[in-house]
Amino acid sequence: MTPGIKPDMKEVRSSLEKISSLNVEIQLLRIQQGGEIDSILSPEQKDTLRKERDMFFEKLQRRHGSRNE
């Protein structure tokens, strides 16, 4: 923010609401995608995917730390 210049809070609110709405849509699409993937994969493929995701998130936590810390 530039000193001495006040933002138009109505514009700011509108922009934030648009961003929020888009984030909701993204999350809904991720959930839908997960269901579609789940319906296609075999039990063995699901197990492999689960293990790969676990390894990914473990590696991510080692790099950036846990949110619970």
N, C-alpha and C. Protein backbone atom coordinates (compact mmCIF):
# COMPACT_ATOMS: atom_id res chain seq x y z
N MET A 1 0.84 -1.18 0.00
CA MET A 1 0.00 0.00 0.00
C MET A 1 0.88 1.24 0.00
N THR A 2 0.49 2.22 -0.77
CA THR A 2 1.24 3.46 -0.86
C THR A 2 0.83 4.38 0.29
N PRO A 3 1.80 4.95 1.02
CA PRO A 3 1.47 5.86 2.11
C PRO A 3 0.64 7.05 1.62
N GLY A 4 -0.39 7.38 2.39
CA GLY A 4 -1.21 8.53 2.05
C GLY A 4 -2.32 8.25 1.07
N ILE A 5 -2.32 7.06 0.46
CA ILE A 5 -3.38 6.72 -0.50
C ILE A 5 -4.25 5.64 0.12
N LYS A 6 -5.53 5.93 0.24
CA LYS A 6 -6.47 4.97 0.83
C LYS A 6 -7.13 4.16 -0.29
N PRO A 7 -7.13 2.85 -0.14
CA PRO A 7 -7.77 2.03 -1.17
C PRO A 7 -9.29 2.15 -1.11
N ASP A 8 -9.93 1.93 -2.23
CA ASP A 8 -11.38 1.89 -2.29
C ASP A 8 -11.82 0.56 -1.70
N MET A 9 -12.30 0.58 -0.46
CA MET A 9 -12.62 -0.65 0.26
C MET A 9 -13.74 -1.46 -0.41
N LYS A 10 -14.63 -0.79 -1.12
CA LYS A 10 -15.67 -1.52 -1.85
C LYS A 10 -15.04 -2.35 -2.97
N GLU A 11 -14.05 -1.75 -3.64
CA GLU A 11 -13.33 -2.47 -4.69
C GLU A 11 -12.52 -3.62 -4.12
N VAL A 12 -11.88 -3.36 -2.99
CA VAL A 12 -11.10 -4.39 -2.33
C VAL A 12 -12.00 -5.55 -1.93
N ARG A 13 -13.15 -5.25 -1.32
CA ARG A 13 -14.10 -6.29 -0.92
C ARG A 13 -14.56 -7.10 -2.12
N SER A 14 -14.90 -6.41 -3.19
CA SER A 14 -15.36 -7.08 -4.40
C SER A 14 -14.29 -8.02 -4.96
N SER A 15 -13.07 -7.55 -4.99
CA SER A 15 -11.96 -8.37 -5.50
C SER A 15 -11.75 -9.60 -4.61
N LEU A 16 -11.78 -9.40 -3.29
CA LEU A 16 -11.60 -10.52 -2.37
C LEU A 16 -12.73 -11.53 -2.47
N GLU A 17 -13.94 -11.06 -2.67
CA GLU A 17 -15.08 -11.97 -2.82
C GLU A 17 -14.95 -12.79 -4.10
N LYS A 18 -14.46 -12.18 -5.17
CA LYS A 18 -14.25 -12.92 -6.41
C LYS A 18 -13.19 -14.00 -6.21
N ILE A 19 -12.10 -13.64 -5.55
CA ILE A 19 -11.03 -14.61 -5.28
C ILE A 19 -11.57 -15.75 -4.43
N SER A 20 -12.33 -15.42 -3.41
CA SER A 20 -12.89 -16.43 -2.52
C SER A 20 -13.81 -17.38 -3.29
N SER A 21 -14.63 -16.82 -4.14
CA SER A 21 -15.54 -17.63 -4.95
C SER A 21 -14.78 -18.58 -5.87
N LEU A 22 -13.72 -18.09 -6.46
CA LEU A 22 -12.89 -18.94 -7.33
C LEU A 22 -12.21 -20.05 -6.54
N ASN A 23 -11.76 -19.74 -5.33
CA ASN A 23 -11.14 -20.76 -4.49
C ASN A 23 -12.14 -21.86 -4.11
N VAL A 24 -13.38 -21.49 -3.86
CA VAL A 24 -14.42 -22.48 -3.57
C VAL A 24 -14.62 -23.37 -4.79
N GLU A 25 -14.68 -22.79 -5.97
CA GLU A 25 -14.85 -23.57 -7.20
C GLU A 25 -13.69 -24.54 -7.40
N ILE A 26 -12.48 -24.07 -7.15
CA ILE A 26 -11.30 -24.93 -7.29
C ILE A 26 -11.40 -26.12 -6.35
N GLN A 27 -11.76 -25.88 -5.10
CA GLN A 27 -11.86 -26.97 -4.13
C GLN A 27 -12.95 -27.97 -4.53
N LEU A 28 -14.09 -27.47 -5.01
CA LEU A 28 -15.16 -28.36 -5.46
C LEU A 28 -14.71 -29.22 -6.63
N LEU A 29 -13.98 -28.62 -7.56
CA LEU A 29 -13.47 -29.37 -8.71
C LEU A 29 -12.45 -30.43 -8.27
N ARG A 30 -11.63 -30.12 -7.28
CA ARG A 30 -10.67 -31.10 -6.76
C ARG A 30 -11.39 -32.29 -6.14
N ILE A 31 -12.44 -32.01 -5.39
CA ILE A 31 -13.22 -33.09 -4.78
C ILE A 31 -13.87 -33.95 -5.86
N GLN A 32 -14.45 -33.29 -6.85
CA GLN A 32 -15.08 -34.02 -7.97
C GLN A 32 -14.05 -34.86 -8.70
N GLN A 33 -12.89 -34.29 -8.96
CA GLN A 33 -11.82 -34.99 -9.66
C GLN A 33 -11.39 -36.23 -8.87
N GLY A 34 -11.26 -36.08 -7.56
CA GLY A 34 -10.87 -37.20 -6.71
C GLY A 34 -11.86 -38.35 -6.81
N GLY A 35 -13.15 -38.03 -6.84
CA GLY A 35 -14.17 -39.06 -6.99
C GLY A 35 -14.09 -39.75 -8.34
N GLU A 36 -13.82 -38.97 -9.37
CA GLU A 36 -13.70 -39.56 -10.71
C GLU A 36 -12.48 -40.47 -10.80
N ILE A 37 -11.37 -40.03 -10.23
CA ILE A 37 -10.15 -40.84 -10.23
C ILE A 37 -10.40 -42.13 -9.46
N ASP A 38 -11.05 -42.00 -8.31
CA ASP A 38 -11.33 -43.16 -7.45
C ASP A 38 -12.18 -44.20 -8.18
N SER A 39 -13.09 -43.74 -9.03
CA SER A 39 -13.97 -44.67 -9.73
C SER A 39 -13.27 -45.40 -10.88
N ILE A 40 -12.13 -44.87 -11.31
CA ILE A 40 -11.41 -45.45 -12.45
C ILE A 40 -10.31 -46.41 -12.01
N LEU A 41 -9.61 -46.08 -10.93
CA LEU A 41 -8.44 -46.85 -10.53
C LEU A 41 -8.81 -48.20 -9.89
N SER A 42 -7.94 -49.16 -10.12
CA SER A 42 -8.09 -50.46 -9.46
C SER A 42 -7.63 -50.32 -8.01
N PRO A 43 -7.97 -51.29 -7.13
CA PRO A 43 -7.49 -51.22 -5.75
C PRO A 43 -5.97 -51.13 -5.65
N GLU A 44 -5.26 -51.83 -6.52
CA GLU A 44 -3.80 -51.78 -6.50
C GLU A 44 -3.29 -50.40 -6.89
N GLN A 45 -3.91 -49.80 -7.89
CA GLN A 45 -3.52 -48.46 -8.33
C GLN A 45 -3.81 -47.42 -7.24
N LYS A 46 -4.95 -47.58 -6.56
CA LYS A 46 -5.29 -46.68 -5.46
C LYS A 46 -4.26 -46.78 -4.35
N ASP A 47 -3.82 -47.99 -4.05
CA ASP A 47 -2.82 -48.19 -3.01
C ASP A 47 -1.49 -47.53 -3.41
N THR A 48 -1.09 -47.70 -4.66
CA THR A 48 0.13 -47.08 -5.16
C THR A 48 0.04 -45.56 -5.08
N LEU A 49 -1.08 -45.01 -5.50
CA LEU A 49 -1.28 -43.56 -5.46
C LEU A 49 -1.24 -43.05 -4.01
N ARG A 50 -1.89 -43.76 -3.11
CA ARG A 50 -1.90 -43.37 -1.70
C ARG A 50 -0.47 -43.35 -1.14
N LYS A 51 0.32 -44.38 -1.46
CA LYS A 51 1.70 -44.45 -0.97
C LYS A 51 2.54 -43.30 -1.55
N GLU A 52 2.37 -43.01 -2.82
CA GLU A 52 3.12 -41.91 -3.45
C GLU A 52 2.74 -40.57 -2.84
N ARG A 53 1.46 -40.37 -2.58
CA ARG A 53 1.02 -39.13 -1.95
C ARG A 53 1.59 -39.01 -0.54
N ASP A 54 1.58 -40.11 0.21
CA ASP A 54 2.15 -40.09 1.56
C ASP A 54 3.61 -39.70 1.53
N MET A 55 4.36 -40.30 0.60
CA MET A 55 5.79 -39.97 0.48
C MET A 55 5.98 -38.50 0.12
N PHE A 56 5.15 -38.00 -0.79
CA PHE A 56 5.24 -36.60 -1.20
C PHE A 56 5.02 -35.66 -0.01
N PHE A 57 3.96 -35.93 0.76
CA PHE A 57 3.64 -35.05 1.88
C PHE A 57 4.66 -35.18 3.01
N GLU A 58 5.23 -36.36 3.21
CA GLU A 58 6.29 -36.52 4.20
C GLU A 58 7.51 -35.70 3.79
N LYS A 59 7.86 -35.75 2.52
CA LYS A 59 9.00 -34.98 2.01
C LYS A 59 8.73 -33.48 2.15
N LEU A 60 7.52 -33.07 1.85
CA LEU A 60 7.13 -31.67 1.97
C LEU A 60 7.24 -31.20 3.42
N GLN A 61 6.79 -32.02 4.35
CA GLN A 61 6.86 -31.66 5.76
C GLN A 61 8.30 -31.56 6.24
N ARG A 62 9.15 -32.46 5.77
CA ARG A 62 10.56 -32.38 6.16
C ARG A 62 11.19 -31.09 5.66
N ARG A 63 10.80 -30.66 4.47
CA ARG A 63 11.35 -29.44 3.89
C ARG A 63 10.83 -28.18 4.57
N HIS A 64 9.52 -28.15 4.82
CA HIS A 64 8.88 -26.92 5.26
C HIS A 64 8.32 -27.00 6.69
N GLY A 65 8.43 -28.13 7.31
CA GLY A 65 7.89 -28.29 8.66
C GLY A 65 6.40 -28.54 8.65
N SER A 66 5.94 -29.11 9.73
CA SER A 66 4.53 -29.43 9.88
C SER A 66 3.74 -28.19 10.27
N ARG A 67 2.49 -28.13 9.87
CA ARG A 67 1.63 -27.02 10.27
C ARG A 67 1.30 -27.10 11.76
N ASN A 68 1.44 -28.28 12.34
CA ASN A 68 1.10 -28.48 13.75
C ASN A 68 2.22 -28.07 14.69
N GLU A 69 3.35 -27.68 14.15
CA GLU A 69 4.50 -27.30 14.99
C GLU A 69 4.40 -25.86 15.42
